[in-house]
């Protein structure tokens, strides 16, 4: 399970133990939306900081930060082929 929060982090959880297994930090304002690619290789996050970030699930590192929105990101959808992010 992956969750995004007002504390500006993304957390991964082990469903069996119910314990946190990783934390991703990089947004400067609260998260408003997250999505995963169908193959579970990447997490995409959107925040009130107007940024979209792409994270690698294996390394738990930020791969890409997309700038350009003039308003906070409210929704993100990853296409079924994993090739496009819609916000």
N, C-alpha and C. Protein backbone atom coordinates (compact mmCIF):
# COMPACT_ATOMS: atom_id res chain seq x y z
N UNK A 1 0.86 -1.17 0.00
CA UNK A 1 0.00 0.00 0.00
C UNK A 1 0.90 1.23 0.00
N UNK A 2 0.50 2.24 -0.76
CA UNK A 2 1.23 3.50 -0.81
C UNK A 2 0.26 4.62 -0.48
N UNK A 3 0.70 5.57 0.36
CA UNK A 3 -0.16 6.69 0.74
C UNK A 3 0.59 8.01 0.62
N UNK A 4 -0.16 9.07 0.35
CA UNK A 4 0.39 10.43 0.32
C UNK A 4 -0.27 11.22 1.43
N UNK A 5 0.41 12.24 1.92
CA UNK A 5 -0.09 12.91 3.12
C UNK A 5 0.13 14.41 3.12
N UNK A 6 -0.55 15.05 4.03
CA UNK A 6 -0.36 16.49 4.25
C UNK A 6 1.01 16.80 4.82
N UNK A 7 1.70 15.77 5.34
CA UNK A 7 3.04 16.02 5.89
C UNK A 7 4.11 16.06 4.79
N UNK A 8 3.65 16.07 3.50
CA UNK A 8 4.51 16.23 2.32
C UNK A 8 5.27 14.96 1.95
N UNK A 9 4.89 13.82 2.51
CA UNK A 9 5.60 12.58 2.24
C UNK A 9 4.70 11.55 1.56
N UNK A 10 5.37 10.58 0.95
CA UNK A 10 4.72 9.37 0.45
C UNK A 10 5.27 8.24 1.30
N UNK A 11 4.39 7.38 1.75
CA UNK A 11 4.82 6.27 2.59
C UNK A 11 4.36 4.96 1.97
N UNK A 12 5.24 3.95 2.07
CA UNK A 12 4.90 2.60 1.66
C UNK A 12 4.67 1.76 2.89
N UNK A 13 3.69 0.89 2.81
CA UNK A 13 3.28 0.09 3.96
C UNK A 13 3.26 -1.39 3.61
N UNK A 14 3.69 -2.22 4.55
CA UNK A 14 3.56 -3.66 4.41
C UNK A 14 2.16 -4.04 4.87
N UNK A 15 1.37 -4.62 3.99
CA UNK A 15 -0.02 -4.91 4.30
C UNK A 15 -0.16 -5.98 5.39
N UNK A 16 0.80 -6.89 5.49
CA UNK A 16 0.71 -7.96 6.49
C UNK A 16 1.09 -7.48 7.89
N UNK A 17 2.23 -6.80 7.98
CA UNK A 17 2.68 -6.32 9.30
C UNK A 17 2.07 -4.98 9.68
N UNK A 18 1.52 -4.29 8.67
CA UNK A 18 0.95 -2.95 8.86
C UNK A 18 1.99 -1.94 9.32
N UNK A 19 3.23 -2.18 8.93
CA UNK A 19 4.32 -1.29 9.30
C UNK A 19 4.80 -0.51 8.08
N UNK A 20 5.32 0.67 8.35
CA UNK A 20 5.89 1.50 7.30
C UNK A 20 7.19 0.87 6.81
N UNK A 21 7.35 0.82 5.49
CA UNK A 21 8.57 0.23 4.93
C UNK A 21 9.45 1.25 4.21
N UNK A 22 8.88 2.38 3.80
CA UNK A 22 9.70 3.44 3.23
C UNK A 22 8.95 4.77 3.29
N UNK A 23 9.72 5.86 3.23
CA UNK A 23 9.18 7.22 3.16
C UNK A 23 9.91 7.96 2.06
N UNK A 24 9.15 8.63 1.20
CA UNK A 24 9.73 9.45 0.14
C UNK A 24 9.46 10.91 0.47
N UNK A 25 10.50 11.73 0.41
CA UNK A 25 10.38 13.15 0.69
C UNK A 25 10.88 13.95 -0.51
N UNK A 26 10.21 15.06 -0.80
CA UNK A 26 10.65 15.89 -1.91
C UNK A 26 9.72 17.03 -2.24
N UNK A 27 8.46 16.91 -1.86
CA UNK A 27 7.52 18.01 -2.09
C UNK A 27 7.65 19.04 -0.97
N UNK A 28 7.41 20.30 -1.32
CA UNK A 28 7.52 21.38 -0.33
C UNK A 28 6.17 21.75 0.29
N UNK A 29 5.10 21.19 -0.27
CA UNK A 29 3.75 21.42 0.28
C UNK A 29 3.02 20.09 0.31
N UNK A 30 1.87 20.03 1.00
CA UNK A 30 1.15 18.76 1.13
C UNK A 30 0.81 18.11 -0.21
N UNK A 31 0.83 16.78 -0.21
CA UNK A 31 0.43 16.02 -1.39
C UNK A 31 -1.08 16.08 -1.55
N UNK A 32 -1.53 16.09 -2.78
CA UNK A 32 -2.96 16.10 -3.04
C UNK A 32 -3.39 14.88 -3.85
N UNK A 33 -2.44 14.19 -4.49
CA UNK A 33 -2.79 13.02 -5.30
C UNK A 33 -1.55 12.16 -5.55
N UNK A 34 -1.77 10.85 -5.61
CA UNK A 34 -0.71 9.94 -6.02
C UNK A 34 -1.31 8.85 -6.90
N UNK A 35 -0.49 8.27 -7.73
CA UNK A 35 -0.91 7.16 -8.60
C UNK A 35 0.31 6.26 -8.81
N UNK A 36 0.03 5.04 -9.21
CA UNK A 36 1.11 4.09 -9.54
C UNK A 36 0.93 3.62 -10.96
N UNK A 37 2.04 3.29 -11.58
CA UNK A 37 1.96 2.67 -12.90
C UNK A 37 1.43 1.25 -12.74
N UNK A 38 0.82 0.75 -13.79
CA UNK A 38 0.19 -0.57 -13.73
C UNK A 38 1.19 -1.67 -13.36
N UNK A 39 2.45 -1.50 -13.77
CA UNK A 39 3.47 -2.51 -13.46
C UNK A 39 4.09 -2.32 -12.08
N UNK A 40 3.61 -1.32 -11.34
CA UNK A 40 4.08 -1.03 -9.97
C UNK A 40 5.54 -0.63 -9.89
N UNK A 41 6.11 -0.17 -11.00
CA UNK A 41 7.51 0.25 -10.99
C UNK A 41 7.68 1.69 -10.53
N UNK A 42 6.65 2.51 -10.74
CA UNK A 42 6.77 3.95 -10.45
C UNK A 42 5.56 4.47 -9.70
N UNK A 43 5.82 5.48 -8.87
CA UNK A 43 4.78 6.26 -8.21
C UNK A 43 4.83 7.65 -8.83
N UNK A 44 3.67 8.23 -9.06
CA UNK A 44 3.58 9.61 -9.54
C UNK A 44 2.84 10.39 -8.46
N UNK A 45 3.40 11.53 -8.07
CA UNK A 45 2.77 12.33 -7.02
C UNK A 45 2.52 13.75 -7.51
N UNK A 46 1.45 14.34 -7.01
CA UNK A 46 1.12 15.73 -7.28
C UNK A 46 0.87 16.43 -5.96
N UNK A 47 1.21 17.71 -5.93
CA UNK A 47 1.18 18.42 -4.67
C UNK A 47 0.67 19.85 -4.84
N UNK A 48 0.41 20.44 -3.71
CA UNK A 48 0.03 21.86 -3.70
C UNK A 48 1.22 22.75 -4.06
N UNK A 49 2.42 22.17 -4.16
CA UNK A 49 3.60 22.95 -4.58
C UNK A 49 3.66 23.10 -6.11
N UNK A 50 2.62 22.60 -6.81
CA UNK A 50 2.47 22.73 -8.27
C UNK A 50 3.43 21.83 -9.05
N UNK A 51 3.98 20.82 -8.39
CA UNK A 51 4.92 19.91 -9.04
C UNK A 51 4.34 18.51 -9.17
N UNK A 52 4.73 17.83 -10.24
CA UNK A 52 4.47 16.41 -10.40
C UNK A 52 5.82 15.73 -10.30
N UNK A 53 5.89 14.68 -9.49
CA UNK A 53 7.15 13.96 -9.32
C UNK A 53 6.96 12.49 -9.66
N UNK A 54 8.00 11.93 -10.27
CA UNK A 54 8.03 10.51 -10.60
C UNK A 54 9.07 9.84 -9.71
N UNK A 55 8.66 8.75 -9.07
CA UNK A 55 9.50 8.06 -8.10
C UNK A 55 9.70 6.62 -8.53
N UNK A 56 10.90 6.10 -8.34
CA UNK A 56 11.20 4.71 -8.63
C UNK A 56 10.89 3.86 -7.39
N UNK A 57 10.04 2.85 -7.56
CA UNK A 57 9.64 2.02 -6.42
C UNK A 57 10.79 1.13 -5.92
N UNK A 58 11.68 0.75 -6.80
CA UNK A 58 12.77 -0.14 -6.39
C UNK A 58 13.82 0.59 -5.56
N UNK A 59 14.25 1.76 -6.04
CA UNK A 59 15.30 2.51 -5.35
C UNK A 59 14.74 3.50 -4.33
N UNK A 60 13.44 3.76 -4.40
CA UNK A 60 12.78 4.75 -3.54
C UNK A 60 13.40 6.14 -3.71
N UNK A 61 13.70 6.48 -4.96
CA UNK A 61 14.29 7.78 -5.27
C UNK A 61 13.45 8.53 -6.29
N UNK A 62 13.53 9.85 -6.21
CA UNK A 62 12.88 10.70 -7.19
C UNK A 62 13.64 10.61 -8.51
N UNK A 63 12.91 10.39 -9.59
CA UNK A 63 13.51 10.30 -10.92
C UNK A 63 13.35 11.60 -11.68
N UNK A 64 12.21 12.24 -11.50
CA UNK A 64 11.85 13.38 -12.34
C UNK A 64 10.92 14.31 -11.58
N UNK A 65 11.09 15.61 -11.78
CA UNK A 65 10.19 16.61 -11.23
C UNK A 65 9.73 17.50 -12.38
N UNK A 66 8.42 17.55 -12.58
CA UNK A 66 7.85 18.32 -13.69
C UNK A 66 7.28 19.63 -13.18
N UNK A 67 7.78 20.75 -13.73
CA UNK A 67 7.31 22.08 -13.38
C UNK A 67 6.50 22.65 -14.52
N UNK A 68 5.58 23.55 -14.21
CA UNK A 68 4.84 24.20 -15.27
C UNK A 68 3.41 24.56 -14.90
N UNK A 69 2.85 23.82 -13.95
CA UNK A 69 1.49 24.15 -13.52
C UNK A 69 1.49 25.47 -12.76
N UNK A 70 0.44 26.24 -12.93
CA UNK A 70 0.32 27.51 -12.22
C UNK A 70 -0.61 27.40 -11.01
N UNK A 71 -1.24 26.26 -10.85
CA UNK A 71 -2.12 25.99 -9.71
C UNK A 71 -1.71 24.65 -9.10
N UNK A 72 -2.12 24.39 -7.86
CA UNK A 72 -1.81 23.10 -7.25
C UNK A 72 -2.34 21.93 -8.08
N UNK A 73 -1.63 20.82 -8.04
CA UNK A 73 -2.05 19.61 -8.74
C UNK A 73 -3.17 18.97 -7.92
N UNK A 74 -4.29 18.67 -8.56
CA UNK A 74 -5.41 18.08 -7.84
C UNK A 74 -5.60 16.61 -8.14
N UNK A 75 -5.34 16.20 -9.37
CA UNK A 75 -5.56 14.81 -9.77
C UNK A 75 -4.49 14.37 -10.75
N UNK A 76 -4.09 13.12 -10.62
CA UNK A 76 -3.14 12.52 -11.56
C UNK A 76 -3.71 11.17 -11.99
N UNK A 77 -3.58 10.89 -13.28
CA UNK A 77 -3.93 9.58 -13.83
C UNK A 77 -2.76 9.13 -14.69
N UNK A 78 -2.38 7.88 -14.55
CA UNK A 78 -1.35 7.29 -15.41
C UNK A 78 -2.09 6.40 -16.42
N UNK A 79 -1.79 6.58 -17.70
CA UNK A 79 -2.44 5.76 -18.71
C UNK A 79 -2.09 4.29 -18.51
N UNK A 80 -2.94 3.40 -19.01
CA UNK A 80 -2.76 1.96 -18.77
C UNK A 80 -1.44 1.42 -19.33
N UNK A 81 -0.90 2.06 -20.36
CA UNK A 81 0.39 1.62 -20.89
C UNK A 81 1.57 2.22 -20.11
N UNK A 82 1.28 3.09 -19.14
CA UNK A 82 2.32 3.70 -18.31
C UNK A 82 3.15 4.74 -19.00
N UNK A 83 2.75 5.16 -20.20
CA UNK A 83 3.56 6.09 -20.99
C UNK A 83 3.18 7.55 -20.82
N UNK A 84 2.01 7.82 -20.24
CA UNK A 84 1.55 9.21 -20.09
C UNK A 84 1.00 9.47 -18.70
N UNK A 85 1.23 10.67 -18.24
CA UNK A 85 0.67 11.14 -16.97
C UNK A 85 -0.30 12.27 -17.33
N UNK A 86 -1.50 12.17 -16.83
CA UNK A 86 -2.51 13.21 -17.07
C UNK A 86 -2.80 13.90 -15.75
N UNK A 87 -2.73 15.22 -15.76
CA UNK A 87 -3.00 15.96 -14.52
C UNK A 87 -3.97 17.09 -14.78
